[in-house]
Amino acid sequence: MKKLTYLAFSMFSIVTFAQDVSKERIQTVLSTLASDEMKGREIGTAENENAANYIAKLFKENNLEYCTGNSYLVPFEYKGKTAYNVCGIKKGKADKFLGFSGHFDHIGTSNNPKDNIYNGADDDASGITTLVGIADYFKNKKPEFSMVFMAFNGEEKGMLGSRAISTDKNLDKIYNNMTALFNFEMVATESAFGKNALFMTGDQFSDLDELFNQNAANGLKINPDPYAAQQLFYRSDNVSFVKKKIIAHSFSTVDMTKATHYHNESDDVKIVDFDNLTQIVNNFGKTLEKLSPSNFNPQYNDTVKF
């Protein structure tokens, strides 16, 4: 009997552990996006399109459905040419959606003879890796919420991709049922609040962080924005959805007092804390498993400017 009990517990442990996204997977996705071969992923380049196709491949691996049309690639015009956002859907038990986003473009190359590639490991390969990790986590699960995963292009040129896809009428069915959008922007390093912690831009405008923290798994915490004076809430892709009156905040770990890698050639995989990022991804997944339309319905207050 003891042997059977031990065997059952062992099998349960294996299944439980198997739910987690591995550090190796996180390393592979982020390192691919931030590789020298991607040449900084600047919008309008072949490498930027390669990045979009790579993300589409990851979405296919996770059996996501198309958001619109017959492709994960959602086109928009950039300087007379076609650029792409990437979008996929995970159907849950409810028609209400949670959105997960980040931008995959960066600023290309420089004339620095020592290192001329802006790899953008933190900005924002880390954000894309986070949303892909969440899709990985739920690959073989049916969450309470339906989920939409959006990789935006052209953020560095003025949030072009998020502006384009947020006004795409083909996605209105999703937007009209979107409870909240989590936009991940620079999550590669340990935050000023320590490990297993992020901050939320515009935390004063809604109760999303409070509702999330009530259900947060394994000590994960969303903290107030310590850089509120910089108005980051209005300076990232989440604002394209704020304008639609959708609850949309950006989530980050970057310590702005120490981030010398920001828009610098040094923003490569060497600065990434893969253990911390893997922990955040898995604890985010475990928290999301607890959320449902009945216990998670954040609201803006009257101080937000639409």
Protein backbone atom coordinates (compact mmCIF):
# COMPACT_ATOMS: atom_id res chain seq x y z
CA MET A 1 0.00 0.00 0.00
CA LYS A 2 2.84 2.36 0.88
CA LYS A 3 4.51 1.64 -2.45
CA LEU A 4 1.30 2.41 -4.32
CA THR A 5 0.85 5.64 -2.37
CA TYR A 6 4.45 6.67 -3.10
CA LEU A 7 4.01 5.80 -6.79
CA ALA A 8 0.83 7.85 -6.99
CA PHE A 9 2.52 10.80 -5.30
CA SER A 10 5.51 10.49 -7.63
CA MET A 11 3.28 10.51 -10.69
CA PHE A 12 1.40 13.53 -9.33
CA SER A 13 4.71 15.34 -8.76
CA ILE A 14 5.85 14.63 -12.30
CA VAL A 15 2.59 15.89 -13.75
CA THR A 16 2.69 19.00 -11.56
CA PHE A 17 6.29 19.74 -12.47
CA ALA A 18 5.57 19.15 -16.14
CA GLN A 19 3.15 22.06 -16.08
CA ASP A 20 5.99 24.50 -15.50
CA VAL A 21 7.79 26.22 -18.36
CA SER A 22 11.46 25.27 -18.32
CA LYS A 23 14.33 27.72 -17.97
CA GLU A 24 15.76 26.18 -21.14
CA ARG A 25 12.64 27.11 -23.09
CA ILE A 26 12.81 30.68 -21.80
CA GLN A 27 16.49 30.87 -22.75
CA THR A 28 15.85 29.51 -26.24
CA VAL A 29 13.05 31.92 -27.10
CA LEU A 30 14.72 35.03 -25.73
CA SER A 31 18.16 34.17 -27.11
CA THR A 32 16.73 33.55 -30.58
CA LEU A 33 14.94 36.90 -30.67
CA ALA A 34 17.97 38.74 -29.26
CA SER A 35 20.54 36.96 -31.41
CA ASP A 36 23.01 38.83 -33.62
CA GLU A 37 21.30 37.19 -36.61
CA MET A 38 18.16 39.25 -35.87
CA LYS A 39 20.26 42.45 -36.21
CA GLY A 40 18.14 44.43 -33.76
CA ARG A 41 14.76 43.57 -35.34
CA GLU A 42 14.12 47.08 -36.68
CA ILE A 43 10.76 47.43 -38.40
CA GLY A 44 11.04 47.40 -42.18
CA THR A 45 13.97 44.97 -42.25
CA ALA A 46 14.11 41.33 -43.29
CA GLU A 47 15.23 40.44 -39.77
CA ASN A 48 12.14 42.08 -38.29
CA GLU A 49 9.99 39.90 -40.53
CA ASN A 50 12.05 36.87 -39.51
CA ALA A 51 11.24 37.67 -35.89
CA ALA A 52 7.52 37.89 -36.71
CA ASN A 53 7.65 34.51 -38.44
CA TYR A 54 9.53 32.98 -35.51
CA ILE A 55 6.84 34.19 -33.07
CA ALA A 56 4.15 32.82 -35.40
CA LYS A 57 5.95 29.46 -35.28
CA LEU A 58 5.89 29.55 -31.48
CA PHE A 59 2.17 30.34 -31.53
CA LYS A 60 1.59 27.36 -33.82
CA GLU A 61 3.54 25.10 -31.44
CA ASN A 62 1.10 26.16 -28.72
CA ASN A 63 -1.92 25.32 -30.90
CA LEU A 64 -3.24 28.86 -30.75
CA GLU A 65 -6.06 29.83 -33.09
CA TYR A 66 -5.75 32.71 -35.56
CA CYS A 67 -7.10 36.05 -34.38
CA THR A 68 -8.25 36.92 -37.88
CA GLY A 69 -7.88 35.51 -41.38
CA ASN A 70 -5.75 32.44 -42.05
CA SER A 71 -2.48 33.45 -40.42
CA TYR A 72 -1.02 34.57 -37.10
CA LEU A 73 0.55 37.44 -39.03
CA VAL A 74 -1.70 40.51 -39.04
CA PRO A 75 -0.49 43.01 -41.66
CA PHE A 76 -0.38 46.79 -41.49
CA GLU A 77 1.29 49.41 -43.64
CA TYR A 78 4.68 50.89 -42.79
CA LYS A 79 6.26 53.37 -45.20
CA GLY A 80 4.38 51.94 -48.15
CA LYS A 81 5.36 48.37 -47.32
CA THR A 82 3.75 45.59 -45.31
CA ALA A 83 4.78 44.97 -41.71
CA TYR A 84 3.27 42.46 -39.34
CA ASN A 85 1.93 42.13 -35.84
CA VAL A 86 1.50 38.56 -34.58
CA CYS A 87 -1.71 37.43 -32.87
CA GLY A 88 -3.07 34.13 -31.53
CA ILE A 89 -6.01 32.97 -29.40
CA LYS A 90 -6.34 30.37 -26.67
CA LYS A 91 -10.01 29.53 -26.05
CA GLY A 92 -10.96 29.22 -22.41
CA LYS A 93 -14.11 28.26 -20.56
CA ALA A 94 -15.52 31.80 -20.79
CA ASP A 95 -15.95 34.21 -23.70
CA LYS A 96 -14.24 36.93 -21.67
CA PHE A 97 -10.64 37.54 -22.71
CA LEU A 98 -7.40 38.41 -21.00
CA GLY A 99 -4.78 39.90 -23.31
CA PHE A 100 -1.00 39.39 -23.14
CA SER A 101 1.29 41.53 -25.22
CA GLY A 102 4.74 42.95 -25.82
CA HIS A 103 6.65 44.41 -28.77
CA PHE A 104 9.19 42.44 -30.77
CA ASP A 105 10.82 45.23 -32.77
CA HIS A 106 13.93 47.05 -31.59
CA ILE A 107 16.24 49.74 -33.00
CA GLY A 108 18.52 47.83 -35.34
CA THR A 109 22.23 48.51 -35.62
CA SER A 110 24.77 51.25 -34.90
CA ASN A 111 28.21 52.34 -36.09
CA ASN A 112 29.93 51.10 -32.93
CA PRO A 113 33.05 49.21 -34.13
CA LYS A 114 33.10 47.00 -31.02
CA ASP A 115 29.41 46.00 -31.01
CA ASN A 116 27.06 47.41 -33.62
CA ILE A 117 23.88 45.46 -32.81
CA TYR A 118 21.09 46.65 -30.53
CA ASN A 119 20.01 43.12 -29.57
CA GLY A 120 17.11 44.30 -27.42
CA ALA A 121 17.21 41.32 -25.05
CA ASP A 122 15.40 43.26 -22.33
CA ASP A 123 13.65 45.69 -24.69
CA ASP A 124 11.59 43.75 -25.50
CA ALA A 125 12.57 40.18 -26.33
CA SER A 126 11.95 39.57 -22.62
CA GLY A 127 8.34 40.73 -22.93
CA ILE A 128 7.68 38.50 -25.93
CA THR A 129 9.31 35.59 -24.11
CA THR A 130 6.98 36.20 -21.18
CA LEU A 131 3.81 36.06 -23.24
CA VAL A 132 5.09 33.02 -25.16
CA GLY A 133 5.89 31.42 -21.80
CA ILE A 134 2.32 32.00 -20.64
CA ALA A 135 1.05 30.41 -23.85
CA ASP A 136 3.41 27.50 -23.18
CA TYR A 137 2.07 27.16 -19.64
CA PHE A 138 -1.51 26.84 -20.86
CA LYS A 139 -0.79 24.70 -23.93
CA ASN A 140 -2.49 21.62 -22.47
CA LYS A 141 -4.92 23.44 -20.16
CA LYS A 142 -8.28 25.10 -20.57
CA PRO A 143 -8.15 28.36 -18.55
CA GLU A 144 -11.20 30.08 -17.12
CA PHE A 145 -10.62 33.14 -19.32
CA SER A 146 -10.02 32.96 -23.03
CA MET A 147 -6.64 34.48 -23.90
CA VAL A 148 -5.28 36.55 -26.76
CA PHE A 149 -1.54 36.84 -27.33
CA MET A 150 -0.32 39.85 -29.31
CA ALA A 151 3.25 40.60 -30.37
CA PHE A 152 3.36 44.20 -31.52
CA ASN A 153 5.66 45.65 -34.17
CA GLY A 154 6.86 49.23 -34.55
CA GLU A 155 6.74 50.26 -30.89
CA GLU A 156 10.09 51.98 -31.25
CA LYS A 157 8.73 54.14 -34.08
CA GLY A 158 5.75 55.38 -32.10
CA MET A 159 3.68 52.33 -31.11
CA LEU A 160 2.69 51.81 -34.75
CA GLY A 161 1.79 48.14 -34.49
CA SER A 162 -0.37 48.38 -31.40
CA ARG A 163 -2.15 51.38 -32.88
CA ALA A 164 -2.88 49.43 -36.06
CA ILE A 165 -4.10 46.22 -34.44
CA SER A 166 -6.12 48.02 -31.75
CA THR A 167 -8.23 49.63 -34.49
CA ASP A 168 -8.62 46.44 -36.56
CA LYS A 169 -12.38 45.88 -36.76
CA ASN A 170 -11.83 42.17 -37.37
CA LEU A 171 -10.75 41.87 -33.73
CA ASP A 172 -13.66 43.83 -32.22
CA LYS A 173 -15.29 40.65 -30.94
CA ILE A 174 -12.18 40.09 -28.82
CA TYR A 175 -11.83 43.71 -27.73
CA ASN A 176 -15.50 44.01 -26.78
CA ASN A 177 -15.01 41.07 -24.42
CA MET A 178 -11.54 41.94 -23.08
CA THR A 179 -11.40 42.18 -19.30
CA ALA A 180 -7.77 43.35 -19.15
CA LEU A 181 -4.53 43.54 -21.11
CA PHE A 182 -1.14 42.71 -19.56
CA ASN A 183 1.58 44.37 -21.64
CA PHE A 184 5.08 43.14 -20.78
CA GLU A 185 7.83 45.72 -21.30
CA MET A 186 11.41 44.97 -20.16
CA VAL A 187 11.19 42.09 -17.69
CA ALA A 188 14.70 40.60 -18.08
CA THR A 189 16.29 41.89 -14.88
CA GLU A 190 15.56 41.85 -11.17
CA SER A 191 13.33 44.74 -10.16
CA ALA A 192 14.00 47.31 -7.46
CA PHE A 193 11.51 45.28 -5.39
CA GLY A 194 13.62 42.13 -5.63
CA LYS A 195 13.05 38.82 -7.38
CA ASN A 196 9.63 37.43 -8.31
CA ALA A 197 8.27 40.97 -8.48
CA LEU A 198 7.14 43.41 -11.17
CA PHE A 199 5.72 46.92 -11.16
CA MET A 200 2.63 48.12 -12.97
CA THR A 201 2.52 51.42 -14.81
CA GLY A 202 -0.47 53.59 -13.99
CA ASP A 203 -1.24 51.59 -10.86
CA GLN A 204 -3.17 54.58 -9.51
CA PHE A 205 -5.70 54.35 -12.36
CA SER A 206 -7.24 50.91 -11.71
CA ASP A 207 -7.54 48.09 -9.19
CA LEU A 208 -5.97 45.46 -11.46
CA ASP A 209 -2.89 45.07 -9.26
CA GLU A 210 -4.92 44.64 -6.07
CA LEU A 211 -7.15 41.97 -7.62
CA PHE A 212 -4.17 40.17 -9.13
CA ASN A 213 -2.18 40.23 -5.89
CA GLN A 214 -5.10 38.75 -3.96
CA ASN A 215 -4.66 35.61 -6.06
CA ALA A 216 -0.90 35.75 -6.68
CA ALA A 217 0.92 32.42 -6.48
CA ASN A 218 4.19 31.65 -4.69
CA GLY A 219 4.87 35.18 -3.50
CA LEU A 220 4.65 36.82 -6.94
CA LYS A 221 3.78 40.49 -6.50
CA ILE A 222 2.83 43.41 -8.70
CA ASN A 223 4.08 46.63 -7.13
CA PRO A 224 3.20 50.30 -7.70
CA ASP A 225 5.13 52.16 -10.38
CA PRO A 226 8.19 53.72 -8.70
CA TYR A 227 8.73 55.96 -11.73
CA ALA A 228 5.25 57.47 -11.91
CA ALA A 229 6.65 60.92 -12.73
CA GLN A 230 7.84 59.56 -16.07
CA GLN A 231 4.24 58.68 -17.03
CA LEU A 232 5.23 55.32 -18.51
CA PHE A 233 1.55 54.33 -18.55
CA TYR A 234 1.03 56.67 -21.51
CA ARG A 235 4.33 55.81 -23.22
CA SER A 236 3.99 52.12 -24.08
CA ASP A 237 1.75 49.95 -26.23
CA ASN A 238 -0.86 49.55 -23.53
CA VAL A 239 -2.03 53.11 -24.25
CA SER A 240 -3.45 52.02 -27.63
CA PHE A 241 -5.96 49.95 -25.65
CA VAL A 242 -6.46 52.50 -22.90
CA LYS A 243 -7.88 54.71 -25.65
CA LYS A 244 -10.47 51.99 -26.23
CA LYS A 245 -11.28 52.12 -22.49
CA ILE A 246 -9.89 48.62 -22.02
CA ILE A 247 -8.06 48.01 -18.73
CA ALA A 248 -4.49 47.94 -20.05
CA HIS A 249 -1.26 48.37 -18.11
CA SER A 250 2.39 47.66 -18.76
CA PHE A 251 4.33 45.37 -16.42
CA SER A 252 8.08 45.63 -15.99
CA THR A 253 11.02 44.76 -13.79
CA VAL A 254 13.49 47.35 -15.09
CA ASP A 255 15.27 49.40 -12.43
CA MET A 256 15.38 52.77 -14.16
CA THR A 257 18.11 53.99 -11.80
CA LYS A 258 20.50 51.25 -13.01
CA ALA A 259 19.37 50.43 -16.55
CA THR A 260 22.46 51.52 -18.49
CA HIS A 261 21.59 48.91 -21.14
CA TYR A 262 18.44 50.77 -22.23
CA HIS A 263 18.71 51.51 -25.99
CA ASN A 264 22.35 50.50 -25.77
CA GLU A 265 24.31 47.80 -27.58
CA SER A 266 24.86 46.16 -24.18
CA ASP A 267 21.20 45.08 -24.05
CA ASP A 268 21.99 41.46 -24.88
CA VAL A 269 21.45 38.09 -23.23
CA LYS A 270 24.26 38.67 -20.73
CA ILE A 271 22.05 41.02 -18.71
CA VAL A 272 19.12 38.58 -18.47
CA ASP A 273 18.29 36.93 -15.14
CA PHE A 274 16.82 33.74 -16.60
CA ASP A 275 16.05 32.20 -13.21
CA ASN A 276 13.97 35.20 -12.19
CA LEU A 277 12.20 35.45 -15.54
CA THR A 278 11.34 31.74 -15.50
CA GLN A 279 9.97 32.09 -11.96
CA ILE A 280 7.84 35.06 -12.98
CA VAL A 281 6.43 33.28 -16.04
CA ASN A 282 5.43 30.19 -14.08
CA ASN A 283 3.99 32.09 -11.14
CA PHE A 284 2.05 34.29 -13.57
CA GLY A 285 0.61 31.13 -15.09
CA LYS A 286 -0.31 29.72 -11.68
CA THR A 287 -1.97 33.01 -10.74
CA LEU A 288 -3.93 33.17 -13.99
CA GLU A 289 -5.26 29.67 -13.29
CA LYS A 290 -7.01 31.16 -10.25
CA LEU A 291 -8.59 34.05 -12.13
CA SER A 292 -12.08 33.92 -13.59
CA PRO A 293 -14.71 36.46 -14.68
CA SER A 294 -16.34 36.05 -11.27
CA ASN A 295 -13.27 37.10 -9.23
CA PHE A 296 -11.32 39.27 -11.67
CA ASN A 297 -13.05 42.27 -13.22
CA PRO A 298 -10.76 45.30 -12.76
CA GLN A 299 -12.09 48.80 -13.27
CA TYR A 300 -10.61 52.20 -14.03
CA ASN A 301 -11.26 55.06 -11.64
CA ASP A 302 -12.05 58.60 -12.73
CA THR A 303 -8.42 59.80 -12.77
CA VAL A 304 -7.34 58.02 -15.97
CA LYS A 305 -7.19 60.11 -19.15
CA PHE A 306 -8.60 58.34 -22.20
